[in-house]
Protein backbone atom coordinates (compact mmCIF):
# COMPACT_ATOMS: atom_id res chain seq x y z
CA MET A 1 109.06 121.08 87.71
CA THR A 2 105.40 121.98 87.50
CA MET A 3 103.46 123.57 90.34
CA ASP A 4 101.58 120.27 90.78
CA ALA A 5 104.91 118.50 91.33
CA TRP A 6 105.95 121.03 93.97
CA LEU A 7 102.60 120.66 95.73
CA THR A 8 102.90 116.85 95.62
CA PHE A 9 106.36 117.04 97.20
CA ALA A 10 105.00 119.35 99.90
CA VAL A 11 102.22 116.90 100.76
CA ILE A 12 104.65 113.98 100.81
CA ALA A 13 107.14 115.89 102.95
CA GLY A 14 104.40 116.61 105.49
CA ALA A 15 103.29 112.98 105.41
CA VAL A 16 106.83 111.68 105.94
CA TYR A 17 107.29 114.03 108.90
CA LEU A 18 104.06 112.87 110.51
CA PHE A 19 104.81 109.20 109.83
CA VAL A 20 108.29 109.46 111.34
CA SER A 21 107.36 111.67 114.30
CA GLU A 22 104.25 109.59 115.11
CA LYS A 23 102.44 112.74 116.21
CA LEU A 24 99.27 111.24 114.72
CA PRO A 25 98.20 107.64 114.11
CA VAL A 26 99.33 106.35 110.72
CA GLU A 27 95.79 105.84 109.46
CA VAL A 28 94.93 109.47 110.31
CA VAL A 29 98.02 110.63 108.42
CA ALA A 30 96.96 108.54 105.42
CA LEU A 31 93.52 110.18 105.39
CA LEU A 32 95.14 113.62 105.69
CA VAL A 33 97.24 112.78 102.64
CA LEU A 34 94.15 111.71 100.73
CA ALA A 35 92.23 114.86 101.69
CA SER A 36 95.19 117.12 100.86
CA LEU A 37 95.69 115.59 97.42
CA LEU A 38 91.98 115.92 96.67
CA THR A 39 91.75 119.51 97.98
CA LEU A 40 94.78 120.60 95.94
CA ARG A 41 93.29 118.87 92.87
CA LEU A 42 96.35 116.68 92.45
CA VAL A 43 94.08 113.67 91.97
CA SER A 44 90.48 113.34 90.84
CA THR A 45 87.72 112.26 93.20
CA ASP A 46 87.66 108.78 91.68
CA GLN A 47 91.43 108.49 92.05
CA ALA A 48 91.36 109.75 95.63
CA LEU A 49 88.81 107.10 96.60
CA SER A 50 90.27 104.32 94.46
CA GLY A 51 92.18 102.95 97.43
CA PHE A 52 88.94 101.88 99.13
CA SER A 53 87.96 99.76 96.12
CA SER A 54 91.47 98.52 95.39
CA PRO A 55 91.88 94.72 95.20
CA ALA A 56 94.88 95.11 97.53
CA THR A 57 92.82 96.78 100.26
CA ILE A 58 89.98 94.26 100.02
CA THR A 59 92.37 91.30 99.89
CA VAL A 60 94.25 92.50 102.97
CA ALA A 61 90.95 92.80 104.89
CA ALA A 62 89.98 89.29 103.78
CA MET A 63 93.38 87.87 104.79
CA PHE A 64 92.89 89.22 108.32
CA VAL A 65 89.66 87.21 108.51
CA LEU A 66 91.30 84.07 107.10
CA SER A 67 94.14 84.42 109.61
CA ALA A 68 91.60 84.74 112.42
CA GLY A 69 89.94 81.54 111.20
CA LEU A 70 93.18 79.63 111.64
CA GLN A 71 93.72 81.18 115.07
CA ARG A 72 90.19 80.53 116.34
CA GLY A 73 90.21 77.04 114.88
CA GLY A 74 93.24 76.30 117.04
CA SER A 75 95.50 74.96 114.28
CA LEU A 76 98.29 77.46 114.95
CA GLN A 77 98.14 76.84 118.70
CA ARG A 78 98.46 73.09 118.11
CA LEU A 79 101.51 73.62 115.93
CA GLY A 80 102.97 75.86 118.62
CA ALA A 81 102.31 73.22 121.27
CA LEU A 82 104.18 70.63 119.19
CA LEU A 83 107.04 73.09 118.75
CA ALA A 84 107.24 73.63 122.51
CA ARG A 85 108.06 69.95 123.05
CA ILE A 86 111.52 70.41 121.54
CA ARG A 87 114.09 70.56 124.34
CA TRP A 88 117.33 71.30 122.44
CA GLY A 89 117.82 75.05 122.12
CA TRP A 90 119.36 75.07 118.63
CA LEU A 91 116.72 72.71 117.24
CA PHE A 92 113.92 74.69 118.88
CA ALA A 93 115.25 77.91 117.30
CA LEU A 94 115.56 76.30 113.86
CA ALA A 95 112.11 74.70 113.96
CA MET A 96 110.56 77.90 115.33
CA MET A 97 111.94 80.04 112.51
CA LEU A 98 111.13 77.59 109.72
CA LEU A 99 107.59 77.01 110.99
CA THR A 100 106.96 80.74 111.41
CA ALA A 101 108.37 81.49 107.95
CA VAL A 102 106.19 78.86 106.26
CA ILE A 103 103.02 80.00 108.03
CA SER A 104 103.80 83.68 107.35
CA GLY A 105 103.81 82.99 103.63
CA PHE A 106 100.09 82.31 103.75
CA ILE A 107 98.65 84.31 106.65
CA ASN A 108 99.43 87.72 108.03
CA ASN A 109 102.89 87.44 109.60
CA THR A 110 101.87 89.67 112.50
CA ALA A 111 99.13 87.18 113.39
CA ALA A 112 101.60 84.29 113.21
CA VAL A 113 104.05 86.01 115.56
CA ALA A 114 101.19 87.00 117.89
CA VAL A 115 100.18 83.35 118.27
CA PHE A 116 103.70 81.99 118.76
CA LEU A 117 104.99 84.77 121.05
CA PRO A 118 103.47 83.55 124.35
CA LEU A 119 104.16 79.92 123.38
CA VAL A 120 107.84 80.63 122.73
CA ILE A 121 108.19 82.51 126.02
CA ALA A 122 106.51 79.66 127.91
CA ALA A 123 108.61 76.96 126.22
CA THR A 124 111.94 78.72 126.75
CA VAL A 125 111.21 79.51 130.41
CA ALA A 126 110.14 75.90 131.02
CA ASN A 127 113.43 74.70 129.53
CA ARG A 128 115.41 77.25 131.58
CA GLN A 129 116.52 79.17 128.50
CA PRO A 130 116.46 82.97 128.08
CA PRO A 131 113.57 84.12 125.81
CA SER A 132 115.78 87.01 124.63
CA LYS A 133 117.81 84.46 122.63
CA TYR A 134 114.74 83.59 120.53
CA LEU A 135 112.22 86.43 120.23
CA ILE A 136 114.03 88.65 117.71
CA ALA A 137 114.58 85.51 115.61
CA LEU A 138 110.81 84.87 115.79
CA SER A 139 110.03 88.38 114.50
CA TYR A 140 112.57 88.22 111.69
CA ALA A 141 111.39 84.76 110.59
CA GLY A 142 107.88 86.14 110.15
CA GLN A 143 109.31 88.74 107.81
CA PHE A 144 111.41 86.16 105.91
CA GLY A 145 108.32 84.12 105.14
CA GLY A 146 106.17 87.10 104.25
CA VAL A 147 108.19 87.86 101.11
CA CYS A 148 107.66 84.38 99.63
CA THR A 149 104.10 84.89 98.36
CA LEU A 150 101.90 87.69 97.13
CA ILE A 151 99.66 87.36 100.20
CA GLY A 152 102.46 87.06 102.77
CA THR A 153 102.32 90.77 103.64
CA SER A 154 100.01 93.66 102.87
CA THR A 155 103.00 95.42 101.28
CA ASN A 156 103.31 92.79 98.54
CA LEU A 157 99.64 93.28 97.66
CA LEU A 158 100.06 97.05 97.70
CA VAL A 159 103.02 96.93 95.31
CA ASP A 160 101.07 94.61 93.01
CA SER A 161 98.05 96.94 93.04
CA LEU A 162 100.13 100.05 92.32
CA ALA A 163 101.89 98.23 89.48
CA ARG A 164 98.60 97.23 87.88
CA GLN A 165 97.24 100.78 88.25
CA SER A 166 100.27 101.96 86.28
CA GLY A 167 99.61 99.50 83.45
CA GLU A 168 102.21 96.93 84.54
CA THR A 169 101.48 93.19 84.59
CA GLY A 170 101.61 92.69 88.36
CA PHE A 171 102.54 89.44 90.09
CA THR A 172 101.12 85.95 90.45
CA LEU A 173 100.60 84.30 93.83
CA PHE A 174 103.89 82.36 93.92
CA GLU A 175 106.04 84.53 91.65
CA PHE A 176 108.15 85.69 94.60
CA ALA A 177 108.63 82.15 95.95
CA PRO A 178 111.80 80.92 94.17
CA MET A 179 113.81 83.93 95.32
CA GLY A 180 111.96 84.23 98.60
CA VAL A 181 112.95 80.71 99.64
CA ILE A 182 116.61 81.64 99.22
CA PHE A 183 116.10 84.72 101.38
CA VAL A 184 114.47 82.51 104.03
CA ALA A 185 117.36 80.03 103.94
CA VAL A 186 120.02 82.72 104.24
CA GLY A 187 118.08 84.63 106.88
CA VAL A 188 117.50 81.56 109.05
CA THR A 189 121.16 80.52 108.73
CA TYR A 190 122.29 83.99 109.76
CA MET A 191 119.95 84.04 112.76
CA MET A 192 121.15 80.61 113.91
CA VAL A 193 124.61 82.17 114.23
CA ALA A 194 123.42 85.58 115.46
CA ARG A 195 121.27 84.15 118.24
CA ARG A 196 124.39 82.54 119.69
CA PHE A 197 126.78 85.48 119.42
CA LEU A 198 124.75 88.69 118.94
CA LEU A 199 121.43 88.26 120.74
CA PRO A 200 121.65 89.25 124.41
CA ASP A 201 121.22 86.81 127.27
CA LEU A 202 118.82 88.63 129.61
CA GLY A 203 118.37 85.64 131.85
CA VAL A 204 115.52 83.25 132.51
CA PRO A 205 112.54 84.89 134.24
CA GLU A 206 111.00 83.06 137.17
CA GLN A 207 107.86 81.19 136.21
CA ALA A 208 106.14 82.41 139.35
CA ASP A 209 106.23 86.04 138.29
CA SER A 210 105.54 85.54 134.56
CA GLY A 211 108.79 87.26 133.66
CA HIS A 212 107.99 90.95 134.16
CA ALA A 213 110.72 91.78 131.63
CA GLY A 214 111.78 95.38 131.19
CA ARG A 215 111.06 98.59 133.09
CA TYR A 216 107.55 99.42 134.23
CA VAL A 217 105.72 102.58 135.12
CA VAL A 218 103.71 101.91 138.28
CA GLU A 219 101.19 104.08 140.16
CA LEU A 220 101.16 103.61 143.96
CA LEU A 221 99.00 105.08 146.73
CA ALA A 222 100.42 106.57 149.96
CA THR A 223 98.13 105.61 152.84
CA GLU A 224 98.21 106.85 156.44
CA ARG A 225 100.45 103.95 157.48
CA SER A 226 103.11 104.65 154.81
CA SER A 227 106.59 105.45 156.11
CA ALA A 228 107.02 107.80 153.14
CA ILE A 229 104.59 110.40 154.54
CA GLY A 230 106.39 113.71 155.19
CA LYS A 231 109.37 112.91 153.00
CA ARG A 232 110.33 114.97 149.96
CA GLY A 233 110.26 113.31 146.55
CA SER A 234 114.07 113.35 146.36
CA GLU A 235 114.27 111.51 149.73
CA LEU A 236 111.53 108.94 149.22
CA LEU A 237 113.40 106.00 147.74
CA PRO A 238 115.67 103.78 149.87
CA ASP A 239 119.36 103.52 148.99
CA ASP A 240 118.94 100.00 147.59
CA ALA A 241 116.08 100.97 145.26
CA GLY A 242 118.11 100.21 142.13
CA ASP A 243 117.09 102.23 139.08
CA VAL A 244 113.66 103.22 140.43
CA VAL A 245 112.80 106.86 139.69
CA VAL A 246 109.98 109.06 141.01
CA LEU A 247 108.34 110.55 137.90
CA GLU A 248 105.41 112.45 139.39
CA ILE A 249 103.42 112.94 142.59
CA PHE A 250 99.68 113.33 142.05
CA ARG A 251 97.48 115.10 144.56
CA GLY A 252 93.78 115.02 143.76
CA ARG A 253 94.65 113.57 140.29
CA GLN A 254 96.75 116.65 139.50
CA PRO A 255 100.59 116.62 139.48
CA VAL A 256 102.33 118.67 142.15
CA PRO A 257 104.54 121.46 140.70
CA SER A 258 107.88 120.22 142.12
CA PRO A 259 107.78 116.48 142.91
CA ARG A 260 111.40 116.35 144.12
CA SER A 261 110.95 119.07 146.75
CA GLU A 262 107.30 118.40 147.68
CA GLU A 263 106.54 116.51 150.90
CA LEU A 264 104.36 113.44 150.44
CA ARG A 265 100.90 113.46 152.05
CA ALA A 266 98.46 110.67 152.78
CA GLY A 267 96.28 110.08 149.73
CA ASP A 268 98.96 111.16 147.25
CA ARG A 269 99.78 108.90 144.36
CA LEU A 270 103.33 108.21 143.20
CA LEU A 271 104.27 107.45 139.61
CA LEU A 272 107.44 105.32 139.66
CA ARG A 273 109.57 103.88 136.86
CA GLY A 274 112.03 101.03 137.09
CA GLU A 275 112.60 97.28 137.07
CA TRP A 276 109.62 95.44 138.50
CA ARG A 277 111.48 93.72 141.32
CA ASP A 278 113.10 96.99 142.43
CA ILE A 279 109.73 98.75 142.43
CA GLU A 280 108.10 95.94 144.41
CA GLN A 281 110.92 96.00 146.96
CA ALA A 282 110.63 99.78 147.39
CA ARG A 283 106.84 99.54 147.65
CA LYS A 284 107.04 97.10 150.53
CA LYS A 285 109.67 99.13 152.42
CA LEU A 286 107.68 102.35 152.08
CA LYS A 287 104.36 100.58 152.79
CA LEU A 288 102.75 101.89 149.62
CA ASP A 289 99.63 100.28 148.16
CA TYR A 290 98.13 99.73 144.75
CA ASP A 291 94.88 101.56 144.05
CA GLN A 292 92.04 99.59 145.66
CA VAL A 293 89.14 101.86 144.72
CA ALA A 294 86.95 99.15 143.20
CA ARG A 295 86.82 96.55 145.95
CA GLU A 296 84.52 94.32 143.92
CA LEU A 297 87.47 93.49 141.63
CA ASP A 298 89.23 91.66 144.46
CA GLY A 299 87.10 88.55 143.96
CA GLY A 300 87.95 85.59 146.16
CA THR A 301 90.82 84.93 148.50
CA GLU A 302 94.34 86.15 147.84
CA ASP A 303 95.70 82.74 146.82
CA GLU A 304 93.24 82.62 143.92
CA ARG A 305 94.85 85.63 142.23
CA LEU A 306 97.73 85.54 139.77
CA HIS A 307 100.19 87.96 138.26
CA ALA A 308 100.22 88.00 134.47
CA GLU A 309 101.27 90.22 131.61
CA ALA A 310 99.01 91.12 128.70
CA MET A 311 100.30 92.81 125.56
CA VAL A 312 98.22 95.14 123.39
CA ALA A 313 98.16 93.36 120.02
CA PRO A 314 98.29 94.97 116.56
CA GLY A 315 94.81 95.94 115.45
CA SER A 316 93.51 95.89 119.04
CA HIS A 317 90.39 97.87 119.86
CA LEU A 318 92.36 99.24 122.83
CA ILE A 319 94.88 101.18 120.72
CA GLY A 320 94.46 104.90 121.35
CA GLN A 321 92.05 104.23 124.23
CA THR A 322 92.76 104.79 127.92
CA LEU A 323 92.13 102.26 130.66
CA ALA A 324 89.58 104.60 132.19
CA ALA A 325 87.71 105.17 128.92
CA VAL A 326 87.18 101.44 128.28
CA ARG A 327 86.67 100.62 131.99
CA PHE A 328 89.39 98.04 131.59
CA GLY A 329 89.37 96.73 135.15
CA HIS A 330 85.62 96.19 135.26
CA THR A 331 85.46 94.79 131.72
CA TYR A 332 88.09 92.12 132.33
CA ARG A 333 87.75 91.88 136.14
CA VAL A 334 91.45 92.59 136.69
CA ARG A 335 93.67 95.22 138.29
CA VAL A 336 96.36 96.95 136.24
CA GLN A 337 99.44 97.37 138.43
CA GLY A 338 102.00 98.54 135.88
CA LEU A 339 102.62 99.53 132.28
CA HIS A 340 105.71 98.60 130.24
CA ARG A 341 106.38 100.56 127.07
CA HIS A 342 109.48 100.85 124.91
CA ARG A 343 109.13 104.62 125.10
CA LEU A 344 108.57 105.33 128.79
CA ALA A 345 107.67 109.03 128.37
CA ILE A 346 104.69 108.68 130.71
CA ARG A 347 103.86 111.56 133.06
CA GLN A 348 100.19 110.99 133.83
CA PRO A 349 98.08 108.52 135.82
CA LEU A 350 98.12 105.08 134.20
CA ASP A 351 94.38 105.09 133.56
CA ARG A 352 94.79 108.24 131.42
CA VAL A 353 97.61 106.93 129.18
CA PRO A 354 96.46 106.18 125.59
CA LEU A 355 97.49 102.58 124.87
CA ALA A 356 99.73 101.66 121.94
CA VAL A 357 100.77 98.48 120.11
CA GLY A 358 103.26 96.51 122.18
CA ASP A 359 102.27 98.00 125.55
CA VAL A 360 102.45 95.36 128.27
CA LEU A 361 100.05 95.62 131.19
CA LEU A 362 101.03 93.96 134.46
CA LEU A 363 97.84 92.47 135.86
CA ASP A 364 96.63 91.16 139.17
CA ALA A 365 93.76 88.85 138.24
CA PRO A 366 91.96 85.60 138.99
CA GLU A 367 92.58 82.73 136.57
CA LYS A 368 89.05 82.91 135.15
CA SER A 369 89.67 86.52 134.10
CA LEU A 370 92.86 85.50 132.29
CA GLU A 371 90.94 82.80 130.46
CA ALA A 372 88.48 85.43 129.22
CA MET A 373 91.34 87.69 128.12
CA ARG A 374 92.90 84.90 126.04
CA SER A 375 89.80 84.85 123.87
CA ASP A 376 90.15 88.57 123.13
CA PRO A 377 92.16 89.05 119.89
CA GLY A 378 93.18 92.53 121.04
CA LEU A 379 95.27 91.17 123.92
CA LEU A 380 98.07 88.61 124.18
CA VAL A 381 98.42 86.99 127.60
CA LEU A 382 102.14 86.34 128.06
CA GLY A 383 103.80 83.81 130.33
CA GLU A 384 103.42 80.10 130.86
CA ARG A 385 99.71 79.58 130.60
CA GLU A 386 97.72 76.64 129.35
CA GLN A 387 96.13 77.52 126.02
CA ASP A 388 92.45 77.10 125.30
CA ARG A 389 91.63 73.71 123.88
CA SER A 390 89.93 73.76 120.52
CA SER A 391 88.10 71.35 118.27
CA ILE A 392 90.23 69.28 115.92
CA GLY A 393 87.40 69.36 113.42
CA ARG A 394 87.28 73.16 113.38
CA ALA A 395 91.05 73.34 113.07
CA LEU A 396 91.02 71.02 110.05
CA LEU A 397 88.16 72.94 108.45
CA ALA A 398 90.01 76.23 108.86
CA ILE A 399 93.14 74.72 107.27
CA ALA A 400 91.04 73.29 104.41
CA VAL A 401 89.46 76.70 103.71
CA MET A 402 92.85 78.40 103.64
CA ALA A 403 94.30 75.67 101.40
CA ALA A 404 91.35 76.05 99.02
CA VAL A 405 91.84 79.83 98.84
CA VAL A 406 95.52 79.41 97.97
CA THR A 407 94.87 76.60 95.47
CA VAL A 408 92.12 78.43 93.59
CA ALA A 409 94.22 81.61 93.36
CA GLY A 410 97.44 79.71 92.55
CA LEU A 411 95.84 77.82 89.65
CA GLY A 412 94.42 81.07 88.28
CA TRP A 413 90.79 79.99 88.55
CA LEU A 414 89.95 83.19 90.39
CA PRO A 415 91.88 86.35 91.29
CA ILE A 416 93.24 86.26 94.84
CA VAL A 417 90.69 88.88 95.93
CA GLY A 418 87.82 86.64 94.75
CA SER A 419 89.10 83.44 96.36
CA ALA A 420 89.87 85.29 99.61
CA ILE A 421 86.33 86.68 99.84
CA LEU A 422 84.87 83.22 99.21
CA GLY A 423 87.16 81.86 101.93
CA CYS A 424 85.83 84.42 104.41
CA ILE A 425 82.25 83.45 103.54
CA ALA A 426 83.12 79.77 104.03
CA LEU A 427 84.52 80.44 107.52
CA VAL A 428 81.26 82.08 108.57
CA VAL A 429 79.02 79.48 106.90
CA LEU A 430 80.98 76.64 108.53
CA GLN A 431 80.64 78.48 111.88
CA ILE A 432 84.40 78.65 112.41
CA LEU A 433 83.91 82.39 112.86
CA LYS A 434 80.85 84.38 113.79
CA PRO A 435 80.16 87.46 111.62
CA GLU A 436 81.05 89.77 114.52
CA ASP A 437 84.34 87.84 114.99
CA ALA A 438 85.15 88.38 111.32
CA TYR A 439 84.58 92.13 111.62
CA ARG A 440 86.71 92.32 114.78
CA ALA A 441 89.52 90.35 113.11
CA ILE A 442 90.13 93.05 110.50
CA ASP A 443 92.78 95.57 111.43
CA TRP A 444 90.93 98.59 110.09
CA ARG A 445 93.96 100.80 110.71
CA VAL A 446 95.91 98.88 108.06
CA VAL A 447 92.94 98.97 105.68
CA ILE A 448 92.54 102.74 106.07
CA LEU A 449 96.30 103.21 105.72
CA LEU A 450 96.35 101.30 102.43
CA ALA A 451 93.33 103.17 101.08
CA GLY A 452 94.85 106.50 102.07
CA VAL A 453 98.37 106.05 100.69
CA LEU A 454 97.40 104.60 97.30
CA PRO A 455 96.45 108.06 95.92
CA MET A 456 99.92 109.29 96.93
CA GLY A 457 101.44 107.08 94.25
CA ILE A 458 98.89 108.30 91.71
CA ALA A 459 99.72 111.94 92.50
CA LEU A 460 103.44 111.28 92.05
CA GLN A 461 102.73 109.98 88.56
CA ASN A 462 100.08 112.53 87.57
CA SER A 463 102.16 115.55 88.62
CA GLY A 464 105.37 114.39 86.96
CA ALA A 465 107.16 114.32 90.30
CA ALA A 466 108.07 110.64 89.90
CA ASP A 467 109.55 111.32 86.45
CA TRP A 468 111.59 114.24 87.85
CA ILE A 469 113.01 112.06 90.65
CA ALA A 470 113.74 109.26 88.17
CA GLU A 471 115.63 111.55 85.82
CA HIS A 472 117.88 112.79 88.61
CA ALA A 473 118.32 109.28 89.99
CA VAL A 474 119.43 108.05 86.56
CA THR A 475 121.89 110.93 86.38
CA VAL A 476 123.41 109.97 89.73
CA VAL A 477 123.45 106.16 89.64
CA GLY A 478 122.31 105.23 86.14
CA GLY A 479 125.83 105.35 84.79
CA PHE A 480 126.82 102.48 87.10
CA GLY A 481 124.36 100.12 85.39
CA PRO A 482 120.90 98.75 86.12
CA VAL A 483 122.04 96.60 89.06
CA ALA A 484 123.41 99.63 90.91
CA THR A 485 120.16 101.50 90.21
CA LEU A 486 118.13 98.56 91.49
CA MET A 487 120.20 98.42 94.70
CA ALA A 488 119.70 102.17 95.14
CA ILE A 489 115.92 101.66 94.92
CA TYR A 490 116.16 98.82 97.44
CA LEU A 491 118.29 100.90 99.81
CA LEU A 492 115.95 103.91 99.59
CA THR A 493 112.93 101.75 100.39
CA SER A 494 114.75 100.01 103.24
CA VAL A 495 115.80 103.27 104.88
CA LEU A 496 112.29 104.75 104.60
CA THR A 497 110.77 101.56 106.03
CA GLU A 498 112.94 101.75 109.14
CA ALA A 499 111.59 105.22 109.88
CA MET A 500 107.95 105.04 108.76
CA SER A 501 105.18 102.64 107.80
CA ASN A 502 106.30 99.94 105.37
CA ASN A 503 103.14 100.43 103.29
CA ALA A 504 103.69 104.19 103.12
CA SER A 505 107.29 103.75 102.01
CA ALA A 506 106.22 101.28 99.30
CA ALA A 507 103.50 103.64 98.02
CA LEU A 508 106.10 106.41 97.86
CA VAL A 509 108.83 104.47 96.04
CA VAL A 510 106.80 102.33 93.58
CA PRO A 511 106.03 105.26 91.19
CA ILE A 512 109.69 106.29 91.38
CA ALA A 513 110.78 102.73 90.60
CA ILE A 514 108.47 102.52 87.58
CA ALA A 515 109.58 105.93 86.26
CA THR A 516 113.24 104.98 86.76
CA ALA A 517 112.79 101.76 84.78
CA ASP A 518 111.07 103.68 81.97
CA ALA A 519 113.90 106.25 81.90
CA LEU A 520 116.45 103.45 81.54
CA GLY A 521 114.33 101.58 79.00
CA LEU A 522 114.13 98.52 81.27
CA ASP A 523 111.40 96.23 82.55
CA SER A 524 109.97 97.66 85.76
CA LYS A 525 109.33 94.28 87.42
CA PRO A 526 112.84 93.87 88.96
CA PHE A 527 112.56 97.32 90.54
CA LEU A 528 109.08 96.54 91.89
CA VAL A 529 110.40 93.32 93.44
CA ALA A 530 113.16 95.34 95.11
CA VAL A 531 110.55 97.67 96.63
CA ALA A 532 108.38 94.77 97.84
CA PHE A 533 111.25 92.89 99.47
CA ALA A 534 112.85 95.97 101.04
CA ALA A 535 109.57 97.26 102.47
CA SER A 536 108.64 93.85 103.89
CA THR A 537 111.92 93.21 105.71
CA SER A 538 112.69 95.73 108.44
CA PHE A 539 115.39 94.52 110.81
CA LEU A 540 117.29 97.60 111.96
CA THR A 541 114.89 99.15 114.49
CA PRO A 542 112.19 97.89 116.85
CA ILE A 543 109.68 100.37 115.44
CA GLY A 544 110.11 99.58 111.74
CA TYR A 545 107.73 96.63 111.78
CA GLN A 546 104.92 95.60 114.12
CA THR A 547 106.41 92.18 114.92
CA ASN A 548 109.64 93.92 116.00
CA THR A 549 107.68 96.15 118.38
CA MET A 550 105.93 93.12 119.89
CA VAL A 551 109.10 91.18 120.68
CA TYR A 552 110.96 94.35 121.71
CA THR A 553 108.53 94.83 124.54
CA ALA A 554 108.10 91.16 125.49
CA GLY A 555 111.81 90.36 125.41
CA GLY A 556 113.02 93.39 127.34
CA TYR A 557 115.47 94.29 124.56
CA ARG A 558 117.34 97.54 124.08
CA PHE A 559 117.13 99.56 120.87
CA THR A 560 120.79 98.74 120.14
CA ASP A 561 120.07 95.00 120.18
CA PHE A 562 118.10 95.39 116.95
CA VAL A 563 120.81 97.54 115.39
CA LYS A 564 123.51 95.02 116.29
CA VAL A 565 121.61 92.07 114.84
CA GLY A 566 119.61 93.81 112.11
CA LEU A 567 122.23 95.98 110.41
CA PRO A 568 124.36 93.08 109.09
CA LEU A 569 121.17 91.30 107.97
CA ASN A 570 119.98 94.39 106.10
CA VAL A 571 123.33 94.56 104.31
CA ILE A 572 123.20 90.85 103.46
CA PHE A 573 119.70 91.19 102.00
CA LEU A 574 120.76 94.28 100.01
CA VAL A 575 123.63 92.36 98.42
CA MET A 576 121.39 89.35 97.77
CA ALA A 577 118.83 91.59 96.10
CA GLY A 578 121.49 92.90 93.71
CA LEU A 579 122.59 89.35 92.87
CA LEU A 580 119.29 87.45 92.77
CA ILE A 581 116.62 89.85 91.51
CA PRO A 582 118.19 90.23 88.03
CA ARG A 583 118.47 86.45 87.80
CA TYR A 584 114.84 85.69 88.63
CA PHE A 585 113.38 88.91 87.18
CA PRO A 586 115.58 89.93 84.20
CA PHE A 587 115.79 93.56 83.14
C-alpha cells in the first residue's frame, strides 16, 4: 500500500472510533474527517468541499423542508387521528406499519415516526393496550418504507451521489421500489408475529400520569421540614423505595465528596434515579420538594397544572444545550421535574446536563404551555393530548406540493434536487411555511454530516485504499461467487450501521463496493443497492437509527428487547438481499 492509503486508513480508524464512542457529535466528527483529509493532502480543496455542493446534501435539506410542510399543514396528524380510531389491536398494528411505511417512502422517516409516536401512545393507552407492543414496530416500519424510493432516506441519496461521483449511472426515483415493496411485506409480516411473541408487555400506563415510562433522574430539594435532614446518604431512602438510588448530594451546586456517608443538610439537593412512582413515593415520605426558585412559573392554581412528557426530537435546537443555557423553564413556562435517558450516566444538576436526541423531560406545566410546546418542532409532547387543529386547505396544498415534486422527478422532467427546491419555494409562496420555519425544519447536523463524510469516500478511491480492500475481499470471499460477495458487503454495512452513523457507514463502504465489483468484472449496481438497503435498515440496537432511539426512550424498552426482535429480522433481510438483489439488479 501507498503512504496515502495508510494515512487514509488512519483517518478512517479515528473517525470510526469517534463515531462509535460518541465522544463528539457526529457532525463534528465529519468536519474533523474533512479537515484531516484536506490537511494531509489526501483530497484536493474542491474535493474536500464537494459535499456541500453535492445534490445529495441539497436534496436532503430540501426534503426536511417538504416534510415540515406536511407536518405543519396537518395532513400527517389527520392520518394519525384516523388511525387512532381503530380499536382492534392486530388491525391497528397492521394499519400503523403500512401507513408509516408508505409515508416514509416520500418524506423523512424520522419525521413520520415523530408525528405518529405521540398519537400511537395516546391511542394504545385509550384502548387499554401496552404501547410497548407497538412502538418498535412503528420504528421498524419507518425503515421498511425508507428503502422503497431514492428520497426515502438520506442514505439512499448519499449512495446515489457517491456512485455518480465515481462515474456510475446512479439510481432513478423508484428504482428501489419493486424490491423495496417485498422487503416491506416481509418486514410487516414478521413484525405482526414478533409483536405478539417477542415484544415485551410493559403494561398500560395510567392516563392521568401520561405514562412516565422508564427510569428518571430527578433533582429534589431538602427543606427545613424534611425528615431526611441529619441522615447519611446510605440511610436516606425508606425500605420500600424500590430501585431508587441516591446518585449525588449537591451543596451549594457542588457535589459532596462522599454522598453515602455525608449527612444531609437543609438546602442540599439530592440527585435520585429510579422508576417515577418509586421516586414520587420516596419524595413524599421524606418531605422533599422540587426546586421552586422561579415562583413566577407557578402560574395559576394547582388544579390548572398538568404532568406531561416532552421528548427532544431529532434535529432539535436543544441538542447539546443545557436547560440553564436556553432558560428552558422561562422560555416554555414549565418546570422540569425529571429527565429520562437510555444512558443514565448523569452525575450533575439537571439544568447542567447537555440534552440529547430521545431525552424525555418530565414537566409540570399549565395546558397553555403544552400547547405552545406542541408547535415547537424540536420537542414532541407525549401522552394523550388533543392535537392542534389545522386547515384542510393547507393540508391539501402541502400534499399537492409533495405529489408534484415526486411526479416531476419520477417522470424525469427535472432531477430530484431541482424539483425538491421548487417544492420548498412553493411551500413558502403558498404560505404553508414561513421562511424562518423552513430554515428551522432543516436538520443541519445531518446536512453537515453528509457534507463531511462524502470526501471520505473520495479519499478511499484516490489513495488506492478501496482497491486494496477489494483485492483482499475478493481473495477471501470472491471464490464463493458474486452472491456471497454481495452478502458480505451487505453484512459489513449492516454491522457498521449498528455501531455508527448510517450515512458514515455508507460513505465508508460504497467505494469498497465499487472497487470490489470492478475487481470481479461485475456491474457495481447490485453492490450499491446492498449498501443502501443495509445502511437504511438498523434493527439490532436502539442507537443504530434515530427512530429506534426515539421509541426506545418513549416505550421504556431494554437494550435486549431490540436484540431479541431485531437480530432475526437482520438475518431475514440479509438472506432476502442475497436472493432478491441479483434478480432485480443483475450482475
